[in-house]
Structure formats: C-alpha cells, structure tokens
Protein backbone atom coordinates (compact mmCIF):
# COMPACT_ATOMS: atom_id res chain seq x y z
CA MET A 1 48.29 -22.19 51.88
CA GLY A 2 46.60 -22.72 48.53
CA ARG A 3 44.85 -20.01 46.56
CA GLY A 4 41.60 -21.91 46.95
CA SER A 5 41.68 -21.59 50.74
CA GLY A 6 39.30 -19.31 52.61
CA THR A 7 42.07 -16.83 53.33
CA TRP A 8 43.03 -16.34 49.69
CA ALA A 9 39.36 -16.29 48.69
CA ARG A 10 38.82 -13.36 51.10
CA PHE A 11 41.77 -11.53 49.55
CA HIS A 12 39.75 -11.36 46.33
CA GLY A 13 36.32 -10.97 47.96
CA ARG A 14 34.42 -8.96 50.54
CA GLY A 15 34.57 -9.02 54.32
CA VAL A 16 37.09 -8.60 57.13
CA TYR A 17 40.65 -8.71 55.83
CA PRO A 18 42.30 -11.93 57.10
CA HIS A 19 45.13 -11.53 59.58
CA GLN A 20 47.00 -14.33 57.80
CA LEU A 21 47.62 -11.91 54.91
CA ALA A 22 48.72 -9.02 57.12
CA PHE A 23 52.20 -9.07 55.57
CA LEU A 24 50.68 -7.60 52.39
CA LEU A 25 49.49 -4.59 54.41
CA ARG A 26 53.05 -3.83 55.55
CA LEU A 27 54.56 -3.54 52.08
CA PRO A 28 56.09 -0.12 51.33
CA PHE A 29 54.22 0.15 48.00
CA ARG A 30 51.18 1.19 50.08
CA ASP A 31 52.78 4.62 50.32
CA LEU A 32 52.27 4.95 46.55
CA VAL A 33 48.50 4.62 46.97
CA PHE A 34 47.97 6.57 50.21
CA SER A 35 51.13 7.58 51.99
CA ARG A 36 51.76 8.10 55.67
CA LYS A 37 52.61 11.73 54.86
CA GLN A 38 49.25 12.20 53.14
CA LEU A 39 47.46 10.72 56.12
CA LEU A 40 49.30 12.95 58.59
CA ARG A 41 48.41 16.04 56.54
CA SER A 42 44.75 15.02 56.63
CA LEU A 43 44.81 14.32 60.38
CA ALA A 44 46.38 17.72 61.22
CA LEU A 45 47.48 16.47 64.64
CA ASN A 46 48.70 18.45 67.63
CA PRO A 47 51.37 17.06 69.98
CA GLY A 48 48.69 16.39 72.60
CA SER A 49 46.00 14.95 70.34
CA VAL A 50 44.11 11.84 71.45
CA VAL A 51 43.62 9.72 68.34
CA LEU A 52 41.54 6.64 67.50
CA GLU A 53 42.62 4.35 64.66
CA ILE A 54 39.93 1.82 63.77
CA GLY A 55 41.16 -1.26 61.92
CA PRO A 56 44.92 -0.63 62.05
CA GLY A 57 45.74 -4.10 60.74
CA PRO A 58 49.43 -4.78 61.42
CA GLY A 59 50.08 -1.09 62.12
CA PHE A 60 51.29 0.31 58.81
CA PHE A 61 50.27 3.87 59.75
CA SER A 62 50.36 3.58 63.53
CA PRO A 63 54.01 4.44 64.38
CA ALA A 64 53.95 7.54 62.18
CA VAL A 65 50.77 8.76 63.86
CA ALA A 66 52.04 7.98 67.38
CA ARG A 67 55.22 9.98 66.76
CA GLU A 68 53.09 13.02 65.88
CA VAL A 69 51.35 12.97 69.29
CA PRO A 70 54.25 12.68 71.79
CA HIS A 71 52.14 14.26 74.56
CA GLY A 72 48.91 12.60 73.46
CA ARG A 73 47.78 9.04 72.83
CA LEU A 74 46.95 6.74 69.94
CA GLU A 75 44.30 4.08 70.57
CA LEU A 76 44.25 1.14 68.16
CA LEU A 77 41.00 -0.82 67.88
CA ASP A 78 40.68 -3.95 65.79
CA LEU A 79 38.20 -6.81 65.66
CA GLN A 80 40.99 -9.38 65.21
CA LEU A 81 43.32 -10.03 68.13
CA PRO A 82 46.09 -11.40 65.84
CA MET A 83 46.09 -8.09 63.93
CA LEU A 84 46.42 -6.14 67.18
CA GLN A 85 49.30 -8.37 68.26
CA LYS A 86 51.10 -7.66 64.99
CA ALA A 87 50.50 -3.92 65.42
CA ARG A 88 51.75 -4.10 69.02
CA ARG A 89 55.01 -5.71 67.87
CA ARG A 90 55.48 -2.99 65.24
CA VAL A 91 54.85 -0.24 67.80
CA ARG A 92 57.22 -1.82 70.31
CA ARG A 93 59.97 -2.05 67.70
CA ALA A 94 59.49 1.67 67.12
CA GLN A 95 59.90 2.21 70.90
CA LEU A 96 56.65 4.12 71.25
CA ALA A 97 54.91 4.13 74.63
CA ASN A 98 51.87 6.31 73.87
CA VAL A 99 49.81 3.62 72.12
CA ALA A 100 47.01 1.48 73.59
CA PHE A 101 45.37 -1.58 72.06
CA THR A 102 41.74 -2.71 72.23
CA CYS A 103 40.15 -5.76 70.63
CA ALA A 104 36.48 -4.89 70.01
CA SER A 105 33.86 -4.26 67.36
CA ALA A 106 33.82 -0.92 65.55
CA GLY A 107 30.04 -0.95 65.87
CA LEU A 108 30.17 -0.71 69.67
CA LEU A 109 33.21 1.27 70.76
CA PRO A 110 34.24 0.61 74.38
CA TYR A 111 35.12 4.24 75.15
CA ARG A 112 33.55 7.12 77.03
CA THR A 113 31.78 9.91 75.17
CA ASP A 114 33.77 12.91 73.86
CA ILE A 115 37.31 11.66 74.50
CA PHE A 116 39.00 11.65 71.07
CA ASP A 117 40.22 14.63 69.07
CA VAL A 118 40.72 12.67 65.84
CA ALA A 119 39.57 9.33 64.43
CA PHE A 120 40.57 7.63 61.20
CA LEU A 121 39.89 4.51 59.15
CA VAL A 122 41.91 3.46 56.09
CA ALA A 123 40.18 0.86 53.87
CA VAL A 124 38.08 -0.27 56.84
CA LEU A 125 34.59 1.24 56.94
CA GLY A 126 33.28 -0.98 54.12
CA GLU A 127 34.43 -4.07 56.03
CA VAL A 128 32.40 -3.19 59.11
CA ALA A 129 29.20 -5.25 59.31
CA LEU A 130 27.07 -2.18 60.10
CA PRO A 131 28.94 0.93 58.97
CA GLN A 132 26.14 3.20 60.17
CA ASP A 133 26.68 1.92 63.74
CA CYS A 134 30.41 2.50 63.43
CA VAL A 135 29.96 6.10 62.27
CA ARG A 136 27.39 6.75 65.01
CA GLU A 137 29.83 5.45 67.60
CA ILE A 138 32.65 7.59 66.20
CA ALA A 139 30.39 10.65 66.50
CA ARG A 140 29.76 9.71 70.13
CA VAL A 141 33.41 9.32 71.14
CA LEU A 142 34.73 12.34 69.20
CA ARG A 143 34.80 15.74 70.85
CA GLN A 144 32.86 18.57 69.21
CA GLY A 145 35.08 19.98 66.48
CA GLY A 146 36.82 16.62 66.25
CA ARG A 147 38.19 15.41 62.96
CA LEU A 148 37.34 12.19 61.10
CA VAL A 149 39.40 10.92 58.16
CA ILE A 150 38.03 8.07 56.04
CA ALA A 151 40.16 6.70 53.20
CA GLU A 152 38.85 4.19 50.68
CA LEU A 153 41.54 2.76 48.45
CA PRO A 154 41.48 1.61 44.81
CA GLY A 155 41.02 -2.11 44.30
CA ASP A 156 39.33 -2.67 47.68
CA PRO A 157 36.18 -4.78 47.06
CA ASP A 158 34.63 -3.35 50.26
CA ALA A 159 35.24 0.32 49.42
CA LEU A 160 32.30 2.64 50.02
CA SER A 161 31.59 5.49 47.64
CA LEU A 162 32.05 9.06 48.82
CA ASP A 163 28.29 9.60 48.42
CA THR A 164 27.60 6.66 50.74
CA VAL A 165 30.08 7.92 53.33
CA GLU A 166 28.55 11.39 53.27
CA ALA A 167 25.04 9.91 53.58
CA LEU A 168 26.22 8.06 56.71
CA THR A 169 28.07 10.98 58.31
CA THR A 170 26.12 14.15 57.47
CA PRO A 171 23.02 13.35 59.60
CA LEU A 172 25.34 12.91 62.59
CA GLY A 173 26.75 16.41 62.33
CA PHE A 174 29.85 15.80 60.22
CA HIS A 175 30.69 18.20 57.42
CA ARG A 176 33.32 17.76 54.74
CA MET A 177 36.47 19.85 55.09
CA ASP A 178 38.57 18.34 52.32
CA CYS A 179 38.70 15.40 49.93
CA THR A 180 41.83 14.05 48.22
CA PRO A 181 41.42 11.80 45.15
CA LEU A 182 43.59 8.65 45.24
CA ARG A 183 43.63 7.17 41.70
CA GLY A 184 40.38 5.27 42.09
CA GLY A 185 39.84 6.01 45.76
CA TYR A 186 39.72 9.03 48.04
CA ALA A 187 40.54 10.34 51.49
CA VAL A 188 37.86 12.58 52.97
CA THR A 189 38.38 14.78 56.03
CA MET A 190 35.34 15.73 58.08
CA GLU A 191 34.68 17.76 61.18
CA LEU A 192 32.08 16.99 63.83
CA ALA A 193 30.07 20.15 64.26
CA GLY A 194 27.21 18.74 66.33
CA ALA A 195 24.07 16.75 65.70
CA ALA A 196 21.86 17.91 62.87
CA THR A 197 18.53 19.40 63.93
C-alpha cells in the first residue's frame, strides 16, 4: 500500500479512521498519550455498570473496560464492520463474555432510552459526520446521572476543542465534572443531570 493511497491520505487528513490502519491503534505507545488506567479512573465504573463505547476501533481500551464490569455489560458500536471484527477478536482472546457488538452510526444509536450508565469516546467525536446528533443520542440512551467521557488526543486532525464539546453537551443537560489535560489534548468527564430548561 503506497503512501499516496486513500488509506494513507486519511491517516494524515480528516474523516473516519480507516480500518486498514487499525494496527496503529493497538500499539502500546498509546498508553503514553491516554492510558487505559487514566480512562478507567475517568469512567469510575461499578461492577454492574452498563457501558457504551462509541468508535472502539480494534478494541484498544475494550478489554480493560469489560474486566471492570464483570456483572455488567460493555456495548461496542462502530460504523465500520471490519473494526468491530478486529475488536471482537481482541475481546475473545481476552476470554470476556460480557461484550456486545453493533455496527451502526453514532448519529442514530440503535438502543432504547435510558439504558447506559456510562458512555465514552476516545478520539472519535470529531470524526462523526454530525457530532451534535451523536451527543443528542448519547443523552437519550444515558440514564439520568450517567457519565460521559470524551477524550480528544494530540495530533488528531479531527479533534474538537473543549469549548466546542461543551457547547454541544451543555444544552442537553451535561455538566463538567473533571477535565484532564493530555499534552495537547484532554479528557473531559461529564454527568447528565437532565435537559436544560
């Protein structure tokens, strides 16, 4: 595959991350930017939490999250079926049975209202065609008091600013609980308190 191909061009540009480059998302150096331990601290999971991961890619974070909810469930949703298949293989190798997989758009989540305790997106929201629809759908499927973690990483051409994320989430009833700087990025934790009046 040459660097001039569409796949390599996307690596340097904007849009949905190509599944052909998923191997880059599995490299351990990712823990130096935003580690699995940092994510788990932000998620503050309970053993029975029901968790939604939007855009898991090949599942870098997924096994660690699934292990934290042995009596709960982790739902992985990705637009690209090949990404989900890679994540499924990773989860199976980890021998985890509490993970489900859905291929769908983040702008129209195929779930009932008020069923998730926690939702998270790592370097994903800026890739969604209509991020406002995605955030609105997350607010719909999260329970009141539910937690949303959005991480935007340094070097990501699609990364949204914290101001943009707060402008998208605040009108829907989210309020910021914490924000961790990530050397050119951030991870913000929000709670859904109810629709703004």
